[in-house]
């Protein structure tokens, strides 16, 4: 075995471990936020996601682009989930922020998701149709799981899941495009 092939194997092992750690960090953040929101202790989940994101941003390059991606994704999530709330598709444990906005714990979930776009989900960047499929299935399943755990409720479950599927099928490829654009900036 040559030195170059050993280096390639070592790099592949590092990428695999980075992806695995990213997936586990995402899951830890999701569970912490959802379970704490369901118990009216959302601050605990917010702290966990804050730590996950701080750790993530300390490890990734370019850090500024990743921070911008996370911030923009959080804003997109705030708008999307606030629209779902305003149109009556969902209700959140602990109510709405200022009576009209999605709660901060939902925004934290979007930020947490954004931290996977350039790491564990990066392979989907060049496959927008697959990203749309993942979003169209994974997004509603996450909300359904959150509802099952008591963090939120889907007012009319089947129509709400269809609305969520459509929204996530559109937003997920857009988030990957945003990630690519931000990464390409000098």
C-alpha atoms as a PDB file:
ATOM      1  CA  UNK A   1       0.000   0.000   0.000  1.00  0.00           C
ATOM      2  CA  UNK A   2       1.375   3.389  -0.992  1.00  0.00           C
ATOM      3  CA  UNK A   3       1.620   6.462   1.171  1.00  0.00           C
ATOM      4  CA  UNK A   4      -0.992   8.198  -1.018  1.00  0.00           C
ATOM      5  CA  UNK A   5      -3.514   5.380  -0.592  1.00  0.00           C
ATOM      6  CA  UNK A   6      -2.912   5.355   3.175  1.00  0.00           C
ATOM      7  CA  UNK A   7      -3.488   9.108   3.241  1.00  0.00           C
ATOM      8  CA  UNK A   8      -6.745   8.686   1.251  1.00  0.00           C
ATOM      9  CA  UNK A   9      -7.928   5.996   3.671  1.00  0.00           C
ATOM     10  CA  UNK A  10      -7.077   8.168   6.672  1.00  0.00           C
ATOM     11  CA  UNK A  11      -8.922  11.137   5.126  1.00  0.00           C
ATOM     12  CA  UNK A  12     -11.967   8.958   4.387  1.00  0.00           C
ATOM     13  CA  UNK A  13     -11.937   7.714   7.993  1.00  0.00           C
ATOM     14  CA  UNK A  14     -11.758  11.289   9.265  1.00  0.00           C
ATOM     15  CA  UNK A  15     -14.682  12.318   7.029  1.00  0.00           C
ATOM     16  CA  UNK A  16     -16.699   9.333   8.220  1.00  0.00           C
ATOM     17  CA  UNK A  17     -16.094  10.152  11.867  1.00  0.00           C
ATOM     18  CA  UNK A  18     -16.877  13.838  11.240  1.00  0.00           C
ATOM     19  CA  UNK A  19     -20.184  12.896   9.594  1.00  0.00           C
ATOM     20  CA  UNK A  20     -21.049  10.515  12.418  1.00  0.00           C
ATOM     21  CA  UNK A  21     -20.282  13.118  15.088  1.00  0.00           C
ATOM     22  CA  UNK A  22     -22.343  15.685  13.145  1.00  0.00           C
ATOM     23  CA  UNK A  23     -25.330  13.324  12.988  1.00  0.00           C
ATOM     24  CA  UNK A  24     -25.050  12.511  16.683  1.00  0.00           C
ATOM     25  CA  UNK A  25     -24.752  16.203  17.620  1.00  0.00           C
ATOM     26  CA  UNK A  26     -27.828  16.994  15.514  1.00  0.00           C
ATOM     27  CA  UNK A  27     -29.797  14.211  17.186  1.00  0.00           C
ATOM     28  CA  UNK A  28     -28.700  15.324  20.657  1.00  0.00           C
ATOM     29  CA  UNK A  29     -29.833  18.862  19.882  1.00  0.00           C
ATOM     30  CA  UNK A  30     -33.171  17.771  18.394  1.00  0.00           C
ATOM     31  CA  UNK A  31     -34.049  15.503  21.307  1.00  0.00           C
ATOM     32  CA  UNK A  32     -32.950  18.030  23.918  1.00  0.00           C
ATOM     33  CA  UNK A  33     -35.021  20.820  22.375  1.00  0.00           C
ATOM     34  CA  UNK A  34     -38.152  18.783  21.734  1.00  0.00           C
ATOM     35  CA  UNK A  35     -38.196  17.008  25.083  1.00  0.00           C
ATOM     36  CA  UNK A  36     -37.453  20.173  27.047  1.00  0.00           C
ATOM     37  CA  UNK A  37     -40.102  22.157  25.118  1.00  0.00           C
ATOM     38  CA  UNK A  38     -42.645  19.419  25.825  1.00  0.00           C
ATOM     39  CA  UNK A  39     -41.901  19.784  29.546  1.00  0.00           C
ATOM     40  CA  UNK A  40     -42.086  23.599  29.434  1.00  0.00           C
ATOM     41  CA  UNK A  41     -38.320  23.834  29.994  1.00  0.00           C
ATOM     42  CA  UNK A  42     -37.248  25.000  26.549  1.00  0.00           C
ATOM     43  CA  UNK A  43     -34.240  26.844  27.994  1.00  0.00           C
ATOM     44  CA  UNK A  44     -32.528  23.488  28.576  1.00  0.00           C
ATOM     45  CA  UNK A  45     -32.848  22.550  24.910  1.00  0.00           C
ATOM     46  CA  UNK A  46     -31.749  26.002  23.820  1.00  0.00           C
ATOM     47  CA  UNK A  47     -28.624  25.631  25.952  1.00  0.00           C
ATOM     48  CA  UNK A  48     -27.835  22.215  24.428  1.00  0.00           C
ATOM     49  CA  UNK A  49     -28.280  23.491  20.861  1.00  0.00           C
ATOM     50  CA  UNK A  50     -26.209  26.568  21.709  1.00  0.00           C
ATOM     51  CA  UNK A  51     -23.393  24.309  22.882  1.00  0.00           C
ATOM     52  CA  UNK A  52     -23.738  22.042  19.840  1.00  0.00           C
ATOM     53  CA  UNK A  53     -23.591  25.034  17.488  1.00  0.00           C
ATOM     54  CA  UNK A  54     -20.639  26.625  19.314  1.00  0.00           C
ATOM     55  CA  UNK A  55     -18.742  23.340  19.097  1.00  0.00           C
ATOM     56  CA  UNK A  56     -19.717  22.955  15.431  1.00  0.00           C
ATOM     57  CA  UNK A  57     -18.634  26.480  14.496  1.00  0.00           C
ATOM     58  CA  UNK A  58     -15.302  26.009  16.260  1.00  0.00           C
ATOM     59  CA  UNK A  59     -14.581  22.982  14.050  1.00  0.00           C
ATOM     60  CA  UNK A  60     -15.769  23.978  10.575  1.00  0.00           C
ATOM     61  CA  UNK A  61     -14.140  26.083   7.890  1.00  0.00           C
ATOM     62  CA  UNK A  62     -15.031  28.605   6.618  1.00  0.00           C
ATOM     63  CA  UNK A  63     -16.582  29.546   9.946  1.00  0.00           C
ATOM     64  CA  UNK A  64     -18.092  32.865   8.844  1.00  0.00           C
ATOM     65  CA  UNK A  65     -19.958  31.235   5.960  1.00  0.00           C
ATOM     66  CA  UNK A  66     -21.245  28.489   8.266  1.00  0.00           C
ATOM     67  CA  UNK A  67     -22.369  31.013  10.872  1.00  0.00           C
ATOM     68  CA  UNK A  68     -24.165  33.000   8.174  1.00  0.00           C
ATOM     69  CA  UNK A  69     -25.864  29.833   6.907  1.00  0.00           C
ATOM     70  CA  UNK A  70     -27.052  28.954  10.405  1.00  0.00           C
ATOM     71  CA  UNK A  71     -28.339  32.493  11.009  1.00  0.00           C
ATOM     72  CA  UNK A  72     -30.197  32.702   7.693  1.00  0.00           C
ATOM     73  CA  UNK A  73     -31.663  29.210   8.127  1.00  0.00           C
ATOM     74  CA  UNK A  74     -32.878  30.198  11.596  1.00  0.00           C
ATOM     75  CA  UNK A  75     -34.574  33.291  10.113  1.00  0.00           C
ATOM     76  CA  UNK A  76     -36.170  31.200   7.357  1.00  0.00           C
ATOM     77  CA  UNK A  77     -37.396  28.778  10.003  1.00  0.00           C
ATOM     78  CA  UNK A  78     -38.820  31.599  12.085  1.00  0.00           C
ATOM     79  CA  UNK A  79     -40.795  32.877   9.098  1.00  0.00           C
ATOM     80  CA  UNK A  80     -41.943  29.412   7.948  1.00  0.00           C
ATOM     81  CA  UNK A  81     -43.042  28.211  11.372  1.00  0.00           C
ATOM     82  CA  UNK A  82     -44.658  31.564  12.193  1.00  0.00           C
ATOM     83  CA  UNK A  83     -46.677  31.264   8.975  1.00  0.00           C
ATOM     84  CA  UNK A  84     -47.722  27.741   9.972  1.00  0.00           C
ATOM     85  CA  UNK A  85     -48.769  29.101  13.354  1.00  0.00           C
ATOM     86  CA  UNK A  86     -50.625  32.101  11.902  1.00  0.00           C
ATOM     87  CA  UNK A  87     -52.535  29.943   9.420  1.00  0.00           C
ATOM     88  CA  UNK A  88     -53.563  27.529  12.157  1.00  0.00           C
ATOM     89  CA  UNK A  89     -51.714  24.404  11.006  1.00  0.00           C
ATOM     90  CA  UNK A  90     -49.648  24.050  14.187  1.00  0.00           C
ATOM     91  CA  UNK A  91     -49.651  25.031  17.849  1.00  0.00           C
ATOM     92  CA  UNK A  92     -46.501  25.042  19.950  1.00  0.00           C
ATOM     93  CA  UNK A  93     -45.994  24.037  23.568  1.00  0.00           C
ATOM     94  CA  UNK A  94     -45.436  27.177  25.578  1.00  0.00           C
ATOM     95  CA  UNK A  95     -47.319  29.255  23.006  1.00  0.00           C
ATOM     96  CA  UNK A  96     -46.081  31.764  20.487  1.00  0.00           C
ATOM     97  CA  UNK A  97     -43.360  34.342  20.949  1.00  0.00           C
ATOM     98  CA  UNK A  98     -45.010  37.778  21.287  1.00  0.00           C
ATOM     99  CA  UNK A  99     -48.280  36.011  20.509  1.00  0.00           C
ATOM    100  CA  UNK A 100     -47.516  35.629  16.787  1.00  0.00           C
ATOM    101  CA  UNK A 101     -44.033  34.184  16.230  1.00  0.00           C
ATOM    102  CA  UNK A 102     -42.809  30.626  16.432  1.00  0.00           C
ATOM    103  CA  UNK A 103     -41.035  30.004  19.743  1.00  0.00           C
ATOM    104  CA  UNK A 104     -37.260  30.265  20.012  1.00  0.00           C
ATOM    105  CA  UNK A 105     -36.948  26.515  20.503  1.00  0.00           C
ATOM    106  CA  UNK A 106     -38.356  25.966  16.983  1.00  0.00           C
ATOM    107  CA  UNK A 107     -35.872  28.479  15.588  1.00  0.00           C
ATOM    108  CA  UNK A 108     -33.111  26.574  17.395  1.00  0.00           C
ATOM    109  CA  UNK A 109     -34.190  23.397  15.611  1.00  0.00           C
ATOM    110  CA  UNK A 110     -33.706  25.133  12.258  1.00  0.00           C
ATOM    111  CA  UNK A 111     -30.259  26.340  13.307  1.00  0.00           C
ATOM    112  CA  UNK A 112     -29.438  22.834  14.484  1.00  0.00           C
ATOM    113  CA  UNK A 113     -30.552  21.410  11.111  1.00  0.00           C
ATOM    114  CA  UNK A 114     -28.471  23.982   9.240  1.00  0.00           C
ATOM    115  CA  UNK A 115     -25.348  22.638  10.955  1.00  0.00           C
ATOM    116  CA  UNK A 116     -25.836  19.364   9.035  1.00  0.00           C
ATOM    117  CA  UNK A 117     -26.056  20.897   5.555  1.00  0.00           C
ATOM    118  CA  UNK A 118     -22.308  21.179   4.921  1.00  0.00           C
ATOM    119  CA  UNK A 119     -21.295  18.070   6.846  1.00  0.00           C
ATOM    120  CA  UNK A 120     -23.514  15.005   7.145  1.00  0.00           C
ATOM    121  CA  UNK A 121     -25.977  16.067   4.433  1.00  0.00           C
ATOM    122  CA  UNK A 122     -23.424  17.662   2.089  1.00  0.00           C
ATOM    123  CA  UNK A 123     -23.829  14.870  -0.459  1.00  0.00           C
ATOM    124  CA  UNK A 124     -27.334  16.203  -1.183  1.00  0.00           C
ATOM    125  CA  UNK A 125     -26.012  19.588  -2.303  1.00  0.00           C
ATOM    126  CA  UNK A 126     -25.499  18.395  -5.889  1.00  0.00           C
ATOM    127  CA  UNK A 127     -28.804  16.497  -5.889  1.00  0.00           C
ATOM    128  CA  UNK A 128     -31.606  19.016  -5.387  1.00  0.00           C
ATOM    129  CA  UNK A 129     -34.342  16.513  -6.222  1.00  0.00           C
ATOM    130  CA  UNK A 130     -33.025  14.198  -3.503  1.00  0.00           C
ATOM    131  CA  UNK A 131     -32.780  17.142  -1.097  1.00  0.00           C
ATOM    132  CA  UNK A 132     -36.427  17.967  -1.895  1.00  0.00           C
ATOM    133  CA  UNK A 133     -37.396  14.357  -1.242  1.00  0.00           C
ATOM    134  CA  UNK A 134     -35.501  14.311   2.057  1.00  0.00           C
ATOM    135  CA  UNK A 135     -37.113  17.601   3.094  1.00  0.00           C
ATOM    136  CA  UNK A 136     -40.566  16.517   1.952  1.00  0.00           C
ATOM    137  CA  UNK A 137     -40.350  13.371   4.052  1.00  0.00           C
ATOM    138  CA  UNK A 138     -38.006  14.263   6.909  1.00  0.00           C
ATOM    139  CA  UNK A 139     -39.469  17.667   7.723  1.00  0.00           C
ATOM    140  CA  UNK A 140     -43.027  16.449   8.361  1.00  0.00           C
ATOM    141  CA  UNK A 141     -41.736  13.384  10.209  1.00  0.00           C
ATOM    142  CA  UNK A 142     -39.765  15.624  12.580  1.00  0.00           C
ATOM    143  CA  UNK A 143     -42.865  17.734  13.296  1.00  0.00           C
ATOM    144  CA  UNK A 144     -44.978  14.608  13.727  1.00  0.00           C
ATOM    145  CA  UNK A 145     -42.391  13.244  16.151  1.00  0.00           C
ATOM    146  CA  UNK A 146     -42.365  16.541  18.039  1.00  0.00           C
ATOM    147  CA  UNK A 147     -46.151  16.447  18.228  1.00  0.00           C
ATOM    148  CA  UNK A 148     -46.065  12.872  19.487  1.00  0.00           C
ATOM    149  CA  UNK A 149     -43.675  13.911  22.251  1.00  0.00           C
ATOM    150  CA  UNK A 150     -45.919  16.829  23.284  1.00  0.00           C
ATOM    151  CA  UNK A 151     -43.808  19.759  22.034  1.00  0.00           C
ATOM    152  CA  UNK A 152     -46.419  20.868  19.533  1.00  0.00           C
ATOM    153  CA  UNK A 153     -49.661  19.825  17.935  1.00  0.00           C
ATOM    154  CA  UNK A 154     -50.763  19.496  14.349  1.00  0.00           C
ATOM    155  CA  UNK A 155     -54.228  21.049  14.344  1.00  0.00           C
ATOM    156  CA  UNK A 156     -55.471  19.023  11.351  1.00  0.00           C
ATOM    157  CA  UNK A 157     -52.775  16.334  11.160  1.00  0.00           C
ATOM    158  CA  UNK A 158     -53.025  15.030   7.585  1.00  0.00           C
ATOM    159  CA  UNK A 159     -53.449  18.404   5.849  1.00  0.00           C
ATOM    160  CA  UNK A 160     -50.794  19.916   8.144  1.00  0.00           C
ATOM    161  CA  UNK A 161     -48.339  17.144   7.220  1.00  0.00           C
ATOM    162  CA  UNK A 162     -49.015  17.784   3.526  1.00  0.00           C
ATOM    163  CA  UNK A 163     -48.374  21.513   3.973  1.00  0.00           C
ATOM    164  CA  UNK A 164     -45.183  20.707   5.881  1.00  0.00           C
ATOM    165  CA  UNK A 165     -44.080  18.295   3.150  1.00  0.00           C
ATOM    166  CA  UNK A 166     -44.568  20.926   0.458  1.00  0.00           C
ATOM    167  CA  UNK A 167     -42.779  23.612   2.460  1.00  0.00           C
ATOM    168  CA  UNK A 168     -39.822  21.436   3.381  1.00  0.00           C
ATOM    169  CA  UNK A 169     -39.568  20.038  -0.167  1.00  0.00           C
ATOM    170  CA  UNK A 170     -39.073  23.608  -1.400  1.00  0.00           C
ATOM    171  CA  UNK A 171     -36.965  24.962   1.470  1.00  0.00           C
ATOM    172  CA  UNK A 172     -34.471  22.110   1.780  1.00  0.00           C
ATOM    173  CA  UNK A 173     -32.938  22.451  -1.713  1.00  0.00           C
ATOM    174  CA  UNK A 174     -32.951  26.238  -1.254  1.00  0.00           C
ATOM    175  CA  UNK A 175     -30.982  25.852   1.980  1.00  0.00           C
ATOM    176  CA  UNK A 176     -28.431  23.674   0.164  1.00  0.00           C
ATOM    177  CA  UNK A 177     -28.149  26.298  -2.572  1.00  0.00           C
ATOM    178  CA  UNK A 178     -27.648  28.963   0.070  1.00  0.00           C
ATOM    179  CA  UNK A 179     -24.947  26.826   1.704  1.00  0.00           C
ATOM    180  CA  UNK A 180     -23.096  26.521  -1.616  1.00  0.00           C
ATOM    181  CA  UNK A 181     -23.365  30.242  -2.338  1.00  0.00           C
ATOM    182  CA  UNK A 182     -22.127  31.252   1.108  1.00  0.00           C
ATOM    183  CA  UNK A 183     -19.242  28.803   0.953  1.00  0.00           C
ATOM    184  CA  UNK A 184     -18.178  30.127  -2.472  1.00  0.00           C
ATOM    185  CA  UNK A 185     -17.983  33.733  -1.227  1.00  0.00           C
ATOM    186  CA  UNK A 186     -14.487  35.027  -0.498  1.00  0.00           C
END
